[in-house]
Protein backbone atom coordinates (compact mmCIF):
# COMPACT_ATOMS: atom_id res chain seq x y z
CA MET A 1 -59.83 42.41 64.02
CA ARG A 2 -57.23 42.81 66.75
CA ILE A 3 -57.70 45.61 69.27
CA SER A 4 -54.89 46.96 71.43
CA ILE A 5 -54.79 49.68 74.08
CA TYR A 6 -51.42 50.90 72.78
CA PRO A 7 -52.81 53.35 70.17
CA ASN A 8 -55.07 54.89 72.82
CA ALA A 9 -52.13 56.45 74.67
CA LYS A 10 -51.85 59.93 73.24
CA SER A 11 -50.74 62.37 75.93
CA ASP A 12 -47.86 62.45 78.35
CA ARG A 13 -50.36 61.76 81.13
CA ASP A 14 -51.67 58.67 79.30
CA TYR A 15 -48.16 57.26 79.00
CA ARG A 16 -47.32 58.00 82.64
CA SER A 17 -50.56 56.36 83.79
CA ALA A 18 -50.12 53.26 81.66
CA VAL A 19 -46.37 52.59 81.69
CA GLY A 20 -44.78 54.94 84.21
CA LEU A 21 -42.77 56.93 81.66
CA GLY A 22 -43.52 60.19 79.91
CA LYS A 23 -44.25 60.13 76.19
CA GLU A 24 -40.77 61.33 75.18
CA GLN A 25 -39.03 58.99 77.63
CA PHE A 26 -41.08 56.11 76.24
CA LYS A 27 -40.23 57.00 72.64
CA ALA A 28 -36.50 57.18 73.41
CA LEU A 29 -36.60 53.79 75.13
CA ALA A 30 -38.79 52.36 72.34
CA GLU A 31 -36.11 53.18 69.75
CA LYS A 32 -33.52 51.21 71.69
CA PHE A 33 -35.98 48.40 72.44
CA SER A 34 -36.97 48.16 68.75
CA ALA A 35 -33.32 47.85 67.76
CA CYS A 36 -33.02 44.74 69.96
CA TYR A 37 -36.43 43.30 69.05
CA GLN A 38 -36.43 40.80 66.22
CA VAL A 39 -39.49 38.88 65.16
CA PRO A 40 -38.69 35.27 66.08
CA GLN A 41 -39.14 32.50 63.54
CA TYR A 42 -41.82 30.99 65.75
CA GLU A 43 -43.69 34.33 65.84
CA PHE A 44 -46.66 34.43 68.17
CA VAL A 45 -49.64 34.92 65.87
CA GLU A 46 -53.37 35.26 66.17
CA ASN A 47 -56.10 34.61 63.63
CA PHE A 48 -54.32 31.57 62.19
CA GLY A 49 -51.24 33.51 61.20
CA HIS A 50 -52.90 36.31 59.24
CA GLU A 51 -51.48 39.10 61.35
CA ARG A 52 -48.76 39.51 63.91
CA ALA A 53 -50.01 39.69 67.46
CA ILE A 54 -47.75 42.66 68.32
CA GLN A 55 -47.27 45.09 65.47
CA SER A 56 -44.02 46.84 66.51
CA GLY A 57 -41.23 46.96 69.01
CA ALA A 58 -42.83 50.05 70.56
CA GLU A 59 -46.07 48.16 71.14
CA GLY A 60 -44.07 45.30 72.67
CA LEU A 61 -42.33 47.73 75.02
CA PHE A 62 -45.69 49.25 75.92
CA LEU A 63 -47.05 45.78 76.70
CA VAL A 64 -44.20 44.79 79.01
CA LEU A 65 -44.06 48.16 80.80
CA PHE A 66 -47.85 48.13 81.23
CA TYR A 67 -47.55 44.64 82.70
CA LEU A 68 -44.70 45.57 85.06
CA LYS A 69 -46.34 48.80 86.26
CA ASN A 70 -49.90 47.55 86.70
CA TYR A 71 -49.35 43.80 87.11
CA PRO A 72 -52.67 42.68 85.61
CA THR A 73 -53.50 39.01 85.29
CA LEU A 74 -52.54 37.45 81.97
CA ASP A 75 -56.25 37.24 81.13
CA VAL A 76 -56.66 41.00 81.52
CA LEU A 77 -53.40 41.70 79.68
CA ALA A 78 -54.50 39.44 76.83
CA MET A 79 -57.83 41.27 76.56
CA SER A 80 -56.06 44.65 76.65
CA PHE A 81 -53.86 43.76 73.69
CA GLY A 82 -56.32 41.62 71.73
CA VAL A 83 -54.40 38.36 71.90
CA SER A 84 -54.82 35.04 73.66
CA ARG A 85 -53.52 34.28 77.14
CA SER A 86 -50.86 31.89 75.84
CA VAL A 87 -49.60 34.43 73.28
CA VAL A 88 -49.37 37.24 75.82
CA SER A 89 -47.53 34.94 78.24
CA GLY A 90 -44.87 34.26 75.62
CA TYR A 91 -44.56 37.94 74.83
CA VAL A 92 -44.17 38.94 78.48
CA ASN A 93 -41.23 36.55 78.84
CA GLN A 94 -39.64 37.62 75.56
CA PHE A 95 -40.09 41.36 76.14
CA GLN A 96 -38.85 41.28 79.73
CA SER A 97 -35.63 39.71 78.47
CA ILE A 98 -35.23 42.37 75.76
CA LEU A 99 -35.99 45.17 78.24
CA LYS A 100 -33.38 43.82 80.64
CA THR A 101 -30.81 43.75 77.82
CA VAL A 102 -31.60 47.34 76.81
CA LEU A 103 -31.42 48.61 80.39
CA HIS A 104 -28.04 46.88 80.85
CA GLN A 105 -26.78 48.52 77.65
CA GLU A 106 -27.92 51.89 78.99
CA ASN A 107 -26.10 51.22 82.27
CA VAL A 108 -29.21 51.78 84.37
CA MET A 109 -29.46 48.32 85.94
CA PRO A 110 -28.04 47.77 89.43
């Protein structure tokens, strides 16, 4: 069974502590992020392909924002999202690229 910290964020304070955005700000950004997120053909999987490592675009956004705000080691990030170090490394790279694209589309990048 895969365990992730993403479902534990419930309140505005939880979201601000974990990712630096309020709950509503996060949800608005998650909609735009999810529109750009497509599951790649080489999908990063755990448990020999029985379930996707990251369940949604919102969880992917949470992962990358958590990483950028708190800058944990990949080992700690992997434990926090219930995936292996190599899987989380691939996701960080993929999700940073998507986040950059979304922020450019929103005209908030320098």
